[in-house]
Amino acid sequence: MGITSWFRVFRNARGVWCLLHDDNVHWAKKAGVTIATSLTLVYALWPVDLIPDIIPVFGWLDDIGLIAFCATALNLVGMRYAEHQLPAANQDLPSATGSHPRPP
């Protein structure tokens, strides 16, 4: 992952954080993000799984797959929110083609 990818991950995480604290966002969207994240963490840490963790490698696949799915979904939610609601933050990030900030 290059430096621009890390900036995007940070921006998207910031977008999710701002979405959860924005009074203009409908409560159902906030609840969905919170519940999905909470359930993913509980499932990953809970000792009972669909595929037992005793089975090497295969026991971890369901945990890894669920965490990857939730991380991707949160990344998309944060990206959409950041693009539409945080325009000033988008200008400070490096462009996709180089490491220079976008012109205003």
Protein backbone atom coordinates (compact mmCIF):
# COMPACT_ATOMS: atom_id res chain seq x y z
CA MET A 1 0.00 0.00 0.00
CA GLY A 2 1.38 3.34 -1.03
CA ILE A 3 1.21 6.55 0.96
CA THR A 4 -1.82 7.78 -1.02
CA SER A 5 -3.71 4.61 -0.06
CA TRP A 6 -3.02 5.27 3.62
CA PHE A 7 -4.30 8.83 3.23
CA ARG A 8 -7.51 7.46 1.73
CA VAL A 9 -7.93 4.95 4.56
CA PHE A 10 -7.45 7.76 7.09
CA ARG A 11 -9.93 10.00 5.22
CA ASN A 12 -12.52 7.22 5.06
CA ALA A 13 -12.11 6.38 8.76
CA ARG A 14 -12.54 10.07 9.49
CA GLY A 15 -15.63 10.04 7.28
CA VAL A 16 -17.17 7.21 9.32
CA TRP A 17 -16.33 9.02 12.56
CA CYS A 18 -17.88 12.28 11.30
CA LEU A 19 -20.94 10.43 9.98
CA LEU A 20 -21.57 8.98 13.43
CA HIS A 21 -21.34 12.43 15.02
CA ASP A 22 -23.26 14.39 12.35
CA ASP A 23 -26.71 15.54 13.49
CA ASN A 24 -27.93 15.74 9.88
CA VAL A 25 -27.43 12.00 9.23
CA HIS A 26 -30.51 9.85 9.79
CA TRP A 27 -30.37 7.75 12.98
CA ALA A 28 -31.00 4.52 11.06
CA LYS A 29 -27.78 4.93 9.08
CA LYS A 30 -25.81 5.57 12.26
CA ALA A 31 -27.44 2.58 13.93
CA GLY A 32 -26.64 0.35 10.95
CA VAL A 33 -22.96 1.28 11.01
CA THR A 34 -22.76 0.84 14.78
CA ILE A 35 -24.62 -2.47 14.84
CA ALA A 36 -22.66 -3.96 11.91
CA THR A 37 -19.35 -3.01 13.50
CA SER A 38 -20.38 -4.27 16.93
CA LEU A 39 -21.70 -7.59 15.64
CA THR A 40 -18.55 -8.15 13.60
CA LEU A 41 -16.32 -7.57 16.62
CA VAL A 42 -18.49 -9.79 18.84
CA TYR A 43 -18.47 -12.61 16.29
CA ALA A 44 -14.71 -12.36 15.78
CA LEU A 45 -14.04 -12.50 19.52
CA TRP A 46 -16.78 -14.98 20.46
CA PRO A 47 -15.48 -18.53 20.99
CA VAL A 48 -18.39 -20.11 19.07
CA ASP A 49 -17.98 -19.91 15.25
CA LEU A 50 -19.52 -21.43 12.16
CA ILE A 51 -16.21 -23.18 11.54
CA PRO A 52 -14.42 -24.04 14.84
CA ASP A 53 -11.07 -22.32 15.37
CA ILE A 54 -9.58 -25.69 16.34
CA ILE A 55 -9.33 -26.55 12.64
CA PRO A 56 -6.08 -24.89 11.48
CA VAL A 57 -6.47 -22.12 8.89
CA PHE A 58 -10.06 -23.01 7.95
CA GLY A 59 -11.27 -22.07 11.42
CA TRP A 60 -10.04 -18.53 10.92
CA LEU A 61 -11.44 -18.06 7.41
CA ASP A 62 -14.95 -17.17 8.57
CA ASP A 63 -13.55 -14.59 11.01
CA ILE A 64 -11.21 -13.10 8.42
CA GLY A 65 -13.93 -13.02 5.76
CA LEU A 66 -16.43 -11.28 8.03
CA ILE A 67 -13.89 -8.72 9.23
CA ALA A 68 -12.80 -8.02 5.64
CA PHE A 69 -16.43 -7.62 4.54
CA CYS A 70 -17.21 -5.21 7.39
CA ALA A 71 -13.99 -3.23 6.81
CA THR A 72 -14.82 -2.90 3.10
CA ALA A 73 -18.38 -1.78 3.87
CA LEU A 74 -17.15 0.79 6.41
CA ASN A 75 -14.55 1.98 3.91
CA LEU A 76 -17.26 2.57 1.29
CA VAL A 77 -19.57 4.35 3.75
CA GLY A 78 -16.73 6.56 4.95
CA MET A 79 -15.59 7.27 1.40
CA ARG A 80 -19.06 8.37 0.28
CA TYR A 81 -19.54 10.56 3.33
CA ALA A 82 -16.06 12.10 3.05
CA GLU A 83 -16.51 12.90 -0.66
CA HIS A 84 -19.81 14.71 -0.12
CA GLN A 85 -19.54 16.17 3.36
CA LEU A 86 -15.83 16.83 3.88
CA PRO A 87 -14.72 18.72 0.74
CA ALA A 88 -12.00 20.66 2.58
CA ALA A 89 -10.41 17.42 3.77
CA ASN A 90 -10.37 16.05 0.23
CA GLN A 91 -8.32 18.98 -1.07
CA ASP A 92 -5.46 18.34 1.37
CA LEU A 93 -4.98 14.72 0.31
CA PRO A 94 -2.51 13.66 -2.35
CA SER A 95 -3.98 12.96 -5.74
CA ALA A 96 -4.24 9.41 -7.08
CA THR A 97 -1.55 10.03 -9.70
CA GLY A 98 1.10 11.73 -7.60
CA SER A 99 2.04 12.88 -4.15
CA HIS A 100 1.14 16.54 -4.60
CA PRO A 101 -2.01 18.03 -3.07
CA ARG A 102 -4.85 18.88 -5.42
CA PRO A 103 -5.11 22.53 -6.42
CA PRO A 104 -7.98 24.48 -4.80
